[in-house]
PDB file of N, CA and C in Angstrom:
ATOM      1  N   PRO A   1       0.926  -9.713   5.441  1.00  0.00           N
ATOM      2  CA  PRO A   1       1.365 -10.384   6.923  1.00  0.00           C
ATOM      3  C   PRO A   1      -0.127 -10.123   7.863  1.00  0.00           C
ATOM      4  N   ASP A   2      -0.363  -9.696   9.322  1.00  0.00           N
ATOM      5  CA  ASP A   2      -1.518  -9.398  10.185  1.00  0.00           C
ATOM      6  C   ASP A   2      -0.306  -8.831  11.040  1.00  0.00           C
ATOM      7  N   LEU A   3      -1.874  -7.063  10.393  1.00  0.00           N
ATOM      8  CA  LEU A   3      -0.909  -6.520  11.769  1.00  0.00           C
ATOM      9  C   LEU A   3      -1.140  -5.956  13.785  1.00  0.00           C
ATOM     10  N   SER A   4      -0.527  -5.880  13.932  1.00  0.00           N
ATOM     11  CA  SER A   4      -1.303  -6.065  15.767  1.00  0.00           C
ATOM     12  C   SER A   4       0.027  -5.469  16.553  1.00  0.00           C
ATOM     13  N   GLY A   5      -0.740  -4.244  17.225  1.00  0.00           N
ATOM     14  CA  GLY A   5       0.112  -3.803  18.372  1.00  0.00           C
ATOM     15  C   GLY A   5      -0.933  -2.555  19.032  1.00  0.00           C
ATOM     16  N   TYR A   6      -0.241  -0.966  19.824  1.00  0.00           N
ATOM     17  CA  TYR A   6      -1.239  -0.643  20.168  1.00  0.00           C
ATOM     18  C   TYR A   6      -0.852   0.529  20.827  1.00  0.00           C
ATOM     19  N   GLU A   7      -1.474   1.777  20.452  1.00  0.00           N
ATOM     20  CA  GLU A   7      -1.664   2.932  20.340  1.00  0.00           C
ATOM     21  C   GLU A   7      -1.764   3.198  21.901  1.00  0.00           C
ATOM     22  N   LYS A   8      -1.051   4.207  22.328  1.00  0.00           N
ATOM     23  CA  LYS A   8      -1.230   5.343  23.530  1.00  0.00           C
ATOM     24  C   LYS A   8      -2.858   6.948  23.457  1.00  0.00           C
ATOM     25  N   PHE A   9      -3.924   6.579  23.538  1.00  0.00           N
ATOM     26  CA  PHE A   9      -4.884   7.072  23.680  1.00  0.00           C
ATOM     27  C   PHE A   9      -5.504   7.239  24.934  1.00  0.00           C
ATOM     28  N   GLY A  10      -5.341   9.514  25.277  1.00  0.00           N
ATOM     29  CA  GLY A  10      -6.330   9.326  26.020  1.00  0.00           C
ATOM     30  C   GLY A  10      -5.796   8.804  28.414  1.00  0.00           C
ATOM     31  N   LEU A  11      -6.828   7.749  28.346  1.00  0.00           N
ATOM     32  CA  LEU A  11      -6.398   7.397  29.558  1.00  0.00           C
ATOM     33  C   LEU A  11      -6.418   5.673  29.897  1.00  0.00           C
ATOM     34  N   GLY A  12      -6.157   5.646  28.499  1.00  0.00           N
ATOM     35  CA  GLY A  12      -5.297   3.962  28.317  1.00  0.00           C
ATOM     36  C   GLY A  12      -5.077   3.520  26.568  1.00  0.00           C
ATOM     37  N   ASN A  13      -4.171   2.402  26.225  1.00  0.00           N
ATOM     38  CA  ASN A  13      -3.858   1.998  24.991  1.00  0.00           C
ATOM     39  C   ASN A  13      -5.287   1.151  24.613  1.00  0.00           C
ATOM     40  N   VAL A  14      -4.674   1.286  23.103  1.00  0.00           N
ATOM     41  CA  VAL A  14      -5.901   0.694  21.918  1.00  0.00           C
ATOM     42  C   VAL A  14      -5.081  -0.333  21.412  1.00  0.00           C
ATOM     43  N   LYS A  15      -5.369  -1.497  22.088  1.00  0.00           N
ATOM     44  CA  LYS A  15      -4.421  -3.219  21.442  1.00  0.00           C
ATOM     45  C   LYS A  15      -5.670  -3.391  20.575  1.00  0.00           C
ATOM     46  N   TYR A  16      -4.924  -3.274  19.147  1.00  0.00           N
ATOM     47  CA  TYR A  16      -5.303  -3.888  17.903  1.00  0.00           C
ATOM     48  C   TYR A  16      -4.902  -4.559  17.376  1.00  0.00           C
ATOM     49  N   ASN A  17      -5.277  -5.419  16.220  1.00  0.00           N
ATOM     50  CA  ASN A  17      -5.307  -6.598  15.110  1.00  0.00           C
ATOM     51  C   ASN A  17      -5.730  -6.471  13.988  1.00  0.00           C
ATOM     52  N   ILE A  18      -4.785  -6.364  12.779  1.00  0.00           N
ATOM     53  CA  ILE A  18      -5.268  -6.371  11.454  1.00  0.00           C
ATOM     54  C   ILE A  18      -4.806  -7.822  11.197  1.00  0.00           C
ATOM     55  N   SER A  19      -5.557  -8.916  10.626  1.00  0.00           N
ATOM     56  CA  SER A  19      -5.659  -9.831  10.133  1.00  0.00           C
ATOM     57  C   SER A  19      -6.357 -10.491   8.980  1.00  0.00           C
ATOM     58  N   ARG A  20      -6.539 -11.074   8.298  1.00  0.00           N
ATOM     59  CA  ARG A  20      -6.754 -11.339   6.974  1.00  0.00           C
ATOM     60  C   ARG A  20      -6.916 -10.275   5.492  1.00  0.00           C
ATOM     61  N   ILE A  21      -5.199  -9.906   5.730  1.00  0.00           N
ATOM     62  CA  ILE A  21      -5.760  -8.389   4.390  1.00  0.00           C
ATOM     63  C   ILE A  21      -5.377  -8.653   3.183  1.00  0.00           C
ATOM     64  N   HIS A  22      -6.333  -8.587   1.998  1.00  0.00           N
ATOM     65  CA  HIS A  22      -6.012  -9.180   0.930  1.00  0.00           C
ATOM     66  C   HIS A  22      -6.143  -8.136  -0.486  1.00  0.00           C
ATOM     67  N   ILE A  23      -5.698  -7.795  -0.961  1.00  0.00           N
ATOM     68  CA  ILE A  23      -6.094  -6.855  -2.065  1.00  0.00           C
ATOM     69  C   ILE A  23      -6.897  -7.817  -2.625  1.00  0.00           C
ATOM     70  N   THR A  24      -8.222  -6.533  -3.277  1.00  0.00           N
ATOM     71  CA  THR A  24      -9.386  -7.548  -3.962  1.00  0.00           C
ATOM     72  C   THR A  24      -9.135  -6.702  -5.134  1.00  0.00           C
ATOM     73  N   ALA A  25      -8.834  -5.645  -5.126  1.00  0.00           N
ATOM     74  CA  ALA A  25      -8.631  -5.287  -7.026  1.00  0.00           C
ATOM     75  C   ALA A  25      -8.159  -4.726  -7.335  1.00  0.00           C
ATOM     76  N   VAL A  26      -7.317  -4.137  -8.103  1.00  0.00           N
ATOM     77  CA  VAL A  26      -6.153  -3.331  -8.860  1.00  0.00           C
ATOM     78  C   VAL A  26      -6.480  -2.495 -10.214  1.00  0.00           C
ATOM     79  N   GLU A  27      -6.571  -1.626 -10.227  1.00  0.00           N
ATOM     80  CA  GLU A  27      -6.916  -0.575 -12.067  1.00  0.00           C
ATOM     81  C   GLU A  27      -5.222   0.065 -11.676  1.00  0.00           C
ATOM     82  N   PHE A  28      -4.624   0.000 -13.060  1.00  0.00           N
ATOM     83  CA  PHE A  28      -3.905   1.093 -13.466  1.00  0.00           C
ATOM     84  C   PHE A  28      -4.679   1.665 -14.952  1.00  0.00           C
ATOM     85  N   PRO A  29      -5.456   2.816 -15.060  1.00  0.00           N
ATOM     86  CA  PRO A  29      -5.878   3.950 -16.012  1.00  0.00           C
ATOM     87  C   PRO A  29      -5.387   4.010 -17.141  1.00  0.00           C
ATOM     88  N   SER A  30      -3.790   4.280 -16.138  1.00  0.00           N
ATOM     89  CA  SER A  30      -2.597   5.040 -17.344  1.00  0.00           C
ATOM     90  C   SER A  30      -1.273   4.851 -16.430  1.00  0.00           C
ATOM     91  N   ALA A  31      -0.689   3.961 -17.298  1.00  0.00           N
ATOM     92  CA  ALA A  31       0.559   3.601 -16.995  1.00  0.00           C
ATOM     93  C   ALA A  31       1.396   3.359 -18.455  1.00  0.00           C
ATOM     94  N   SER A  32       2.109   4.232 -17.960  1.00  0.00           N
ATOM     95  CA  SER A  32       3.332   4.241 -19.185  1.00  0.00           C
ATOM     96  C   SER A  32       5.265   3.523 -19.220  1.00  0.00           C
ATOM     97  N   ILE A  33       5.706   3.191 -19.597  1.00  0.00           N
ATOM     98  CA  ILE A  33       7.493   2.132 -19.591  1.00  0.00           C
ATOM     99  C   ILE A  33       8.003   3.279 -20.519  1.00  0.00           C
ATOM    100  N   SER A  34       8.871   4.434 -20.000  1.00  0.00           N
ATOM    101  CA  SER A  34      10.010   4.779 -21.407  1.00  0.00           C
ATOM    102  C   SER A  34      12.172   5.379 -20.913  1.00  0.00           C
ATOM    103  N   LEU A  35      12.329   4.242 -21.678  1.00  0.00           N
ATOM    104  CA  LEU A  35      13.540   4.664 -21.454  1.00  0.00           C
ATOM    105  C   LEU A  35      14.664   5.516 -21.167  1.00  0.00           C
ATOM    106  N   ILE A  36      15.548   6.077 -20.369  1.00  0.00           N
ATOM    107  CA  ILE A  36      15.354   6.795 -20.064  1.00  0.00           C
ATOM    108  C   ILE A  36      17.713   6.412 -20.656  1.00  0.00           C
ATOM    109  N   PRO A  37      18.024   6.962 -22.116  1.00  0.00           N
ATOM    110  CA  PRO A  37      19.211   7.125 -22.049  1.00  0.00           C
ATOM    111  C   PRO A  37      20.291   6.872 -21.370  1.00  0.00           C
ATOM    112  N   GLY A  38      21.039   6.692 -21.186  1.00  0.00           N
ATOM    113  CA  GLY A  38      22.006   6.199 -20.329  1.00  0.00           C
ATOM    114  C   GLY A  38      21.421   5.619 -18.559  1.00  0.00           C
ATOM    115  N   THR A  39      20.964   5.854 -18.364  1.00  0.00           N
ATOM    116  CA  THR A  39      20.346   5.799 -17.379  1.00  0.00           C
ATOM    117  C   THR A  39      19.687   4.520 -17.484  1.00  0.00           C
ATOM    118  N   GLY A  40      18.245   4.224 -17.855  1.00  0.00           N
ATOM    119  CA  GLY A  40      17.886   2.973 -17.645  1.00  0.00           C
ATOM    120  C   GLY A  40      16.506   2.719 -18.007  1.00  0.00           C
ATOM    121  N   ILE A  41      15.044   2.680 -16.757  1.00  0.00           N
ATOM    122  CA  ILE A  41      14.105   2.918 -17.505  1.00  0.00           C
ATOM    123  C   ILE A  41      12.838   3.034 -16.263  1.00  0.00           C
ATOM    124  N   LYS A  42      11.980   4.131 -17.169  1.00  0.00           N
ATOM    125  CA  LYS A  42      11.280   5.504 -15.987  1.00  0.00           C
ATOM    126  C   LYS A  42       9.638   4.193 -16.320  1.00  0.00           C
ATOM    127  N   LEU A  43       9.116   4.407 -14.923  1.00  0.00           N
ATOM    128  CA  LEU A  43       7.986   3.901 -14.944  1.00  0.00           C
ATOM    129  C   LEU A  43       6.810   5.007 -14.664  1.00  0.00           C
ATOM    130  N   VAL A  44       6.053   5.326 -14.782  1.00  0.00           N
ATOM    131  CA  VAL A  44       4.970   6.151 -14.126  1.00  0.00           C
ATOM    132  C   VAL A  44       3.062   5.450 -14.361  1.00  0.00           C
ATOM    133  N   ILE A  45       2.894   5.591 -13.360  1.00  0.00           N
ATOM    134  CA  ILE A  45       1.718   5.272 -13.004  1.00  0.00           C
ATOM    135  C   ILE A  45       0.717   6.615 -12.623  1.00  0.00           C
ATOM    136  N   GLY A  46      -0.807   6.462 -13.724  1.00  0.00           N
ATOM    137  CA  GLY A  46      -1.093   7.667 -13.023  1.00  0.00           C
ATOM    138  C   GLY A  46      -2.467   7.507 -12.256  1.00  0.00           C
ATOM    139  N   ASN A  47      -3.408   7.859 -12.054  1.00  0.00           N
ATOM    140  CA  ASN A  47      -4.846   7.472 -11.070  1.00  0.00           C
ATOM    141  C   ASN A  47      -4.645   6.339 -11.264  1.00  0.00           C
ATOM    142  N   ALA A  48      -4.515   5.360  -9.832  1.00  0.00           N
ATOM    143  CA  ALA A  48      -4.001   4.315 -10.299  1.00  0.00           C
ATOM    144  C   ALA A  48      -5.179   3.917  -9.054  1.00  0.00           C
ATOM    145  N   SER A  49      -5.834   2.612  -8.624  1.00  0.00           N
ATOM    146  CA  SER A  49      -6.702   3.039  -7.453  1.00  0.00           C
ATOM    147  C   SER A  49      -6.229   1.132  -6.926  1.00  0.00           C
ATOM    148  N   LEU A  50      -6.896   0.460  -5.393  1.00  0.00           N
ATOM    149  CA  LEU A  50      -7.013  -0.607  -5.598  1.00  0.00           C
ATOM    150  C   LEU A  50      -7.529  -0.338  -4.137  1.00  0.00           C
ATOM    151  N   THR A  51      -8.273  -1.317  -3.840  1.00  0.00           N
ATOM    152  CA  THR A  51      -8.972  -2.185  -2.786  1.00  0.00           C
ATOM    153  C   THR A  51      -8.875  -3.105  -1.897  1.00  0.00           C
ATOM    154  N   ILE A  52      -8.599  -3.076  -0.737  1.00  0.00           N
ATOM    155  CA  ILE A  52      -8.327  -3.870   0.380  1.00  0.00           C
ATOM    156  C   ILE A  52      -8.715  -4.295   1.145  1.00  0.00           C
ATOM    157  N   ASP A  53      -9.703  -5.611   1.334  1.00  0.00           N
ATOM    158  CA  ASP A  53     -10.562  -5.536   2.748  1.00  0.00           C
ATOM    159  C   ASP A  53      -9.176  -6.507   3.563  1.00  0.00           C
ATOM    160  N   MET A  54      -9.874  -6.631   4.894  1.00  0.00           N
ATOM    161  CA  MET A  54      -9.346  -7.509   6.189  1.00  0.00           C
ATOM    162  C   MET A  54     -10.706  -7.555   7.622  1.00  0.00           C
ATOM    163  N   ASN A  55      -9.964  -7.897   8.325  1.00  0.00           N
ATOM    164  CA  ASN A  55     -10.353  -8.309   9.258  1.00  0.00           C
ATOM    165  C   ASN A  55      -9.924  -7.341  10.961  1.00  0.00           C
ATOM    166  N   TRP A  56     -10.520  -7.545  11.984  1.00  0.00           N
ATOM    167  CA  TRP A  56     -10.182  -6.225  12.186  1.00  0.00           C
ATOM    168  C   TRP A  56     -10.523  -6.152  13.510  1.00  0.00           C
ATOM    169  N   ASN A  57      -9.693  -6.205  15.269  1.00  0.00           N
ATOM    170  CA  ASN A  57     -10.417  -6.344  16.719  1.00  0.00           C
ATOM    171  C   ASN A  57      -9.109  -5.028  16.838  1.00  0.00           C
ATOM    172  N   ILE A  58     -10.079  -4.629  18.257  1.00  0.00           N
ATOM    173  CA  ILE A  58      -9.921  -3.825  18.681  1.00  0.00           C
ATOM    174  C   ILE A  58     -10.207  -4.259  20.474  1.00  0.00           C
ATOM    175  N   ARG A  59      -9.094  -3.482  21.229  1.00  0.00           N
ATOM    176  CA  ARG A  59      -9.368  -3.989  22.743  1.00  0.00           C
ATOM    177  C   ARG A  59      -9.416  -2.244  23.663  1.00  0.00           C
ATOM    178  N   THR A  60      -9.923  -1.856  24.658  1.00  0.00           N
ATOM    179  CA  THR A  60      -9.623  -1.628  25.509  1.00  0.00           C
ATOM    180  C   THR A  60      -9.888  -1.651  26.861  1.00  0.00           C
ATOM    181  N   TRP A  61      -9.657  -0.907  28.296  1.00  0.00           N
ATOM    182  CA  TRP A  61     -10.463  -1.570  29.383  1.00  0.00           C
ATOM    183  C   TRP A  61     -11.466  -1.153  28.904  1.00  0.00           C
ATOM    184  N   MET A  62     -12.418  -0.126  28.436  1.00  0.00           N
ATOM    185  CA  MET A  62     -13.974   0.091  27.798  1.00  0.00           C
ATOM    186  C   MET A  62     -14.041  -1.166  27.492  1.00  0.00           C
ATOM    187  N   PHE A  63     -14.294  -2.177  26.661  1.00  0.00           N
ATOM    188  CA  PHE A  63     -14.759  -2.000  25.504  1.00  0.00           C
ATOM    189  C   PHE A  63     -14.211  -2.887  24.192  1.00  0.00           C
ATOM    190  N   LYS A  64     -14.657  -3.504  24.174  1.00  0.00           N
ATOM    191  CA  LYS A  64     -13.456  -4.930  22.913  1.00  0.00           C
ATOM    192  C   LYS A  64     -14.762  -4.231  21.269  1.00  0.00           C
ATOM    193  N   ASP A  65     -13.948  -4.924  20.457  1.00  0.00           N
ATOM    194  CA  ASP A  65     -14.701  -5.362  19.632  1.00  0.00           C
ATOM    195  C   ASP A  65     -14.150  -5.431  18.340  1.00  0.00           C
ATOM    196  N   ASN A  66     -14.479  -6.294  16.972  1.00  0.00           N
ATOM    197  CA  ASN A  66     -14.270  -6.753  15.548  1.00  0.00           C
ATOM    198  C   ASN A  66     -15.239  -6.340  14.777  1.00  0.00           C
ATOM    199  N   GLY A  67     -14.259  -6.994  13.663  1.00  0.00           N
ATOM    200  CA  GLY A  67     -15.639  -6.276  12.479  1.00  0.00           C
ATOM    201  C   GLY A  67     -14.484  -6.708  11.403  1.00  0.00           C
ATOM    202  N   LYS A  68     -15.060  -6.161   9.939  1.00  0.00           N
ATOM    203  CA  LYS A  68     -14.985  -6.638   8.483  1.00  0.00           C
ATOM    204  C   LYS A  68     -14.013  -5.006   7.965  1.00  0.00           C
ATOM    205  N   SER A  69     -13.485  -5.137   7.506  1.00  0.00           N
ATOM    206  CA  SER A  69     -13.183  -3.519   6.872  1.00  0.00           C
ATOM    207  C   SER A  69     -13.068  -3.649   5.778  1.00  0.00           C
ATOM    208  N   THR A  70     -13.268  -2.834   4.206  1.00  0.00           N
ATOM    209  CA  THR A  70     -13.096  -2.850   3.101  1.00  0.00           C
ATOM    210  C   THR A  70     -12.060  -0.584   3.078  1.00  0.00           C
ATOM    211  N   VAL A  71     -11.147  -0.751   2.082  1.00  0.00           N
ATOM    212  CA  VAL A  71     -10.406   0.352   2.211  1.00  0.00           C
ATOM    213  C   VAL A  71      -9.860   0.126   0.313  1.00  0.00           C
ATOM    214  N   TYR A  72     -10.503   1.840   0.378  1.00  0.00           N
ATOM    215  CA  TYR A  72     -10.378   2.075  -1.234  1.00  0.00           C
ATOM    216  C   TYR A  72      -9.881   3.461  -1.370  1.00  0.00           C
ATOM    217  N   ILE A  73      -8.331   2.697  -1.817  1.00  0.00           N
ATOM    218  CA  ILE A  73      -7.280   4.241  -1.915  1.00  0.00           C
ATOM    219  C   ILE A  73      -7.676   4.671  -3.130  1.00  0.00           C
ATOM    220  N   SER A  74      -7.444   5.320  -3.571  1.00  0.00           N
ATOM    221  CA  SER A  74      -7.629   5.995  -5.419  1.00  0.00           C
ATOM    222  C   SER A  74      -6.750   7.221  -5.191  1.00  0.00           C
ATOM    223  N   LYS A  75      -7.154   7.189  -6.796  1.00  0.00           N
ATOM    224  CA  LYS A  75      -5.645   8.777  -6.693  1.00  0.00           C
ATOM    225  C   LYS A  75      -4.256   8.152  -6.632  1.00  0.00           C
ATOM    226  N   VAL A  76      -3.200   7.086  -6.996  1.00  0.00           N
ATOM    227  CA  VAL A  76      -2.301   6.736  -6.718  1.00  0.00           C
ATOM    228  C   VAL A  76      -1.257   6.704  -7.536  1.00  0.00           C
ATOM    229  N   PHE A  77      -0.719   7.641  -7.702  1.00  0.00           N
ATOM    230  CA  PHE A  77       0.220   8.106  -8.640  1.00  0.00           C
ATOM    231  C   PHE A  77       1.682   7.402  -7.909  1.00  0.00           C
ATOM    232  N   VAL A  78       2.684   7.183  -9.181  1.00  0.00           N
ATOM    233  CA  VAL A  78       4.177   6.308  -8.567  1.00  0.00           C
ATOM    234  C   VAL A  78       4.546   6.834  -9.641  1.00  0.00           C
ATOM    235  N   THR A  79       5.732   7.219  -9.169  1.00  0.00           N
ATOM    236  CA  THR A  79       7.597   7.996 -10.297  1.00  0.00           C
ATOM    237  C   THR A  79       7.898   6.889 -10.476  1.00  0.00           C
ATOM    238  N   ALA A  80       8.941   5.343 -10.663  1.00  0.00           N
ATOM    239  CA  ALA A  80      10.116   4.746 -10.448  1.00  0.00           C
ATOM    240  C   ALA A  80      10.705   4.851 -11.883  1.00  0.00           C
ATOM    241  N   ILE A  81      12.402   5.127 -11.516  1.00  0.00           N
ATOM    242  CA  ILE A  81      13.532   5.036 -12.219  1.00  0.00           C
ATOM    243  C   ILE A  81      14.170   3.569 -11.820  1.00  0.00           C
ATOM    244  N   PHE A  82      14.391   3.439 -12.835  1.00  0.00           N
ATOM    245  CA  PHE A  82      14.878   1.512 -12.967  1.00  0.00           C
ATOM    246  C   PHE A  82      16.445   2.270 -13.711  1.00  0.00           C
ATOM    247  N   SER A  83      17.222   1.407 -12.464  1.00  0.00           N
ATOM    248  CA  SER A  83      19.226   1.537 -13.397  1.00  0.00           C
ATOM    249  C   SER A  83      19.131   0.160 -14.070  1.00  0.00           C
ATOM    250  N   THR A  84      19.974   0.240 -15.321  1.00  0.00           N
ATOM    251  CA  THR A  84      19.681  -1.271 -15.466  1.00  0.00           C
ATOM    252  C   THR A  84      21.379  -1.495 -15.802  1.00  0.00           C
ATOM    253  N   PRO A  85      22.158  -1.521 -15.693  1.00  0.00           N
ATOM    254  CA  PRO A  85      24.081  -2.194 -15.618  1.00  0.00           C
ATOM    255  C   PRO A  85      23.941  -2.966 -15.935  1.00  0.00           C
ATOM    256  N   LEU A  86      24.844  -3.439 -16.335  1.00  0.00           N
ATOM    257  CA  LEU A  86      25.525  -4.725 -17.063  1.00  0.00           C
ATOM    258  C   LEU A  86      26.416  -5.078 -15.673  1.00  0.00           C
ATOM    259  N   ASP A  87      25.961  -6.550 -14.923  1.00  0.00           N
ATOM    260  CA  ASP A  87      26.768  -7.079 -14.026  1.00  0.00           C
ATOM    261  C   ASP A  87      28.181  -7.282 -14.590  1.00  0.00           C
ATOM    262  N   ASN A  88      29.338  -8.545 -14.309  1.00  0.00           N
ATOM    263  CA  ASN A  88      30.416  -8.386 -14.332  1.00  0.00           C
ATOM    264  C   ASN A  88      30.522 -10.132 -15.089  1.00  0.00           C
ATOM    265  N   THR A  89      29.742 -10.438 -15.390  1.00  0.00           N
ATOM    266  CA  THR A  89      29.204 -11.593 -16.881  1.00  0.00           C
ATOM    267  C   THR A  89      28.693 -11.171 -17.449  1.00  0.00           C
ATOM    268  N   GLY A  90      28.417  -9.708 -17.623  1.00  0.00           N
ATOM    269  CA  GLY A  90      27.333  -9.069 -19.321  1.00  0.00           C
ATOM    270  C   GLY A  90      26.230  -9.350 -19.238  1.00  0.00           C
ATOM    271  N   HIS A  91      25.578  -9.782 -18.032  1.00  0.00           N
ATOM    272  CA  HIS A  91      23.881  -9.314 -17.916  1.00  0.00           C
ATOM    273  C   HIS A  91      23.334  -8.359 -17.495  1.00  0.00           C
ATOM    274  N   THR A  92      22.611  -8.229 -18.045  1.00  0.00           N
ATOM    275  CA  THR A  92      21.360  -7.184 -17.595  1.00  0.00           C
ATOM    276  C   THR A  92      20.934  -6.836 -16.402  1.00  0.00           C
ATOM    277  N   SER A  93      21.406  -6.674 -14.860  1.00  0.00           N
ATOM    278  CA  SER A  93      20.696  -6.343 -13.553  1.00  0.00           C
ATOM    279  C   SER A  93      19.780  -5.123 -13.610  1.00  0.00           C
ATOM    280  N   ILE A  94      18.667  -5.291 -12.388  1.00  0.00           N
ATOM    281  CA  ILE A  94      16.953  -4.288 -12.783  1.00  0.00           C
ATOM    282  C   ILE A  94      17.975  -4.065 -10.918  1.00  0.00           C
ATOM    283  N   SER A  95      17.680  -1.983 -11.144  1.00  0.00           N
ATOM    284  CA  SER A  95      17.553  -1.827  -9.448  1.00  0.00           C
ATOM    285  C   SER A  95      16.916  -0.709  -9.677  1.00  0.00           C
ATOM    286  N   LEU A  96      16.124  -0.344  -8.958  1.00  0.00           N
ATOM    287  CA  LEU A  96      15.409   1.070  -8.550  1.00  0.00           C
ATOM    288  C   LEU A  96      16.598   1.592  -7.595  1.00  0.00           C
ATOM    289  N   THR A  97      16.376   2.840  -8.547  1.00  0.00           N
ATOM    290  CA  THR A  97      17.194   4.343  -8.046  1.00  0.00           C
ATOM    291  C   THR A  97      16.212   4.726  -7.561  1.00  0.00           C
ATOM    292  N   SER A  98      14.878   5.276  -8.007  1.00  0.00           N
ATOM    293  CA  SER A  98      14.464   6.227  -7.223  1.00  0.00           C
ATOM    294  C   SER A  98      13.075   5.732  -7.384  1.00  0.00           C
ATOM    295  N   CYS A  99      12.403   6.562  -6.282  1.00  0.00           N
ATOM    296  CA  CYS A  99      10.646   5.991  -5.964  1.00  0.00           C
ATOM    297  C   CYS A  99       9.942   6.608  -5.894  1.00  0.00           C
ATOM    298  N   ARG A 100       8.666   7.156  -6.300  1.00  0.00           N
ATOM    299  CA  ARG A 100       7.562   8.070  -6.166  1.00  0.00           C
ATOM    300  C   ARG A 100       6.540   8.358  -5.958  1.00  0.00           C
ATOM    301  N   THR A 101       5.614   7.965  -4.924  1.00  0.00           N
ATOM    302  CA  THR A 101       4.640   7.651  -4.906  1.00  0.00           C
ATOM    303  C   THR A 101       3.860   8.948  -4.149  1.00  0.00           C
ATOM    304  N   THR A 102       2.116   8.623  -4.243  1.00  0.00           N
ATOM    305  CA  THR A 102       1.588   9.589  -3.846  1.00  0.00           C
ATOM    306  C   THR A 102      -0.230   8.948  -3.686  1.00  0.00           C
ATOM    307  N   SER A 103      -1.017   9.524  -3.192  1.00  0.00           N
ATOM    308  CA  SER A 103      -1.889   8.791  -3.048  1.00  0.00           C
ATOM    309  C   SER A 103      -3.437  10.112  -2.962  1.00  0.00           C
ATOM    310  N   GLY A 104      -4.123  10.416  -3.001  1.00  0.00           N
ATOM    311  CA  GLY A 104      -4.938  11.095  -3.712  1.00  0.00           C
ATOM    312  C   GLY A 104      -6.566  10.913  -2.557  1.00  0.00           C
ATOM    313  N   ASP A 105      -6.919   9.783  -2.378  1.00  0.00           N
ATOM    314  CA  ASP A 105      -8.211  10.047  -1.665  1.00  0.00           C
ATOM    315  C   ASP A 105      -8.322   7.937  -0.748  1.00  0.00           C
ATOM    316  N   ILE A 106      -8.444   8.450   0.208  1.00  0.00           N
ATOM    317  CA  ILE A 106      -8.659   7.091   0.993  1.00  0.00           C
ATOM    318  C   ILE A 106     -10.529   7.211   2.245  1.00  0.00           C
ATOM    319  N   ASP A 107     -11.026   6.028   1.772  1.00  0.00           N
ATOM    320  CA  ASP A 107     -12.254   5.522   2.185  1.00  0.00           C
ATOM    321  C   ASP A 107     -11.832   4.054   3.016  1.00  0.00           C
ATOM    322  N   ILE A 108     -12.385   3.970   3.618  1.00  0.00           N
ATOM    323  CA  ILE A 108     -12.346   3.148   4.713  1.00  0.00           C
ATOM    324  C   ILE A 108     -13.681   3.047   5.487  1.00  0.00           C
ATOM    325  N   LYS A 109     -14.432   1.550   4.981  1.00  0.00           N
ATOM    326  CA  LYS A 109     -15.552   1.279   5.824  1.00  0.00           C
ATOM    327  C   LYS A 109     -15.390   0.636   7.070  1.00  0.00           C
ATOM    328  N   LEU A 110     -15.874   0.011   8.280  1.00  0.00           N
ATOM    329  CA  LEU A 110     -15.639  -0.214   9.198  1.00  0.00           C
ATOM    330  C   LEU A 110     -17.013  -0.958   9.152  1.00  0.00           C
ATOM    331  N   ASN A 111     -16.948  -2.226   9.522  1.00  0.00           N
ATOM    332  CA  ASN A 111     -18.147  -2.780   9.421  1.00  0.00           C
ATOM    333  C   ASN A 111     -17.839  -4.029  11.414  1.00  0.00           C
ATOM    334  N   GLY A 112     -18.778  -3.690  12.252  1.00  0.00           N
ATOM    335  CA  GLY A 112     -18.667  -4.430  13.745  1.00  0.00           C
ATOM    336  C   GLY A 112     -19.937  -4.606  14.299  1.00  0.00           C
ATOM    337  N   LYS A 113     -19.565  -5.121  15.474  1.00  0.00           N
ATOM    338  CA  LYS A 113     -20.929  -4.838  16.324  1.00  0.00           C
ATOM    339  C   LYS A 113     -21.577  -4.093  17.477  1.00  0.00           C
ATOM    340  N   SER A 114     -20.375  -2.554  17.078  1.00  0.00           N
ATOM    341  CA  SER A 114     -21.276  -2.097  17.722  1.00  0.00           C
ATOM    342  C   SER A 114     -21.253  -0.912  16.958  1.00  0.00           C
TER     343      SER A 114
END
């Protein structure tokens, strides 16, 4: 979904809109799944990266600008634990028990008129 809102900076507000957000690349160079006896499943993703393209525009009382942006997020690490209990009918269900995510680097390229 699009993101829009405003932030207060110094002498006035900055209105922004981020639209047409598309994930254009995802890489999982290191991923593993293991069973945890009596608990469920552990998923570990290491050193992942993703690229996101989007349009943006900002407006203040002094100026306005718009353009395109590419965001590259790298060194993403995710550890998730899923429980796998049986439901009342005897079928296995899956629910997220815990999740920890960190990212190392974020590179943002803005292309606009100004």
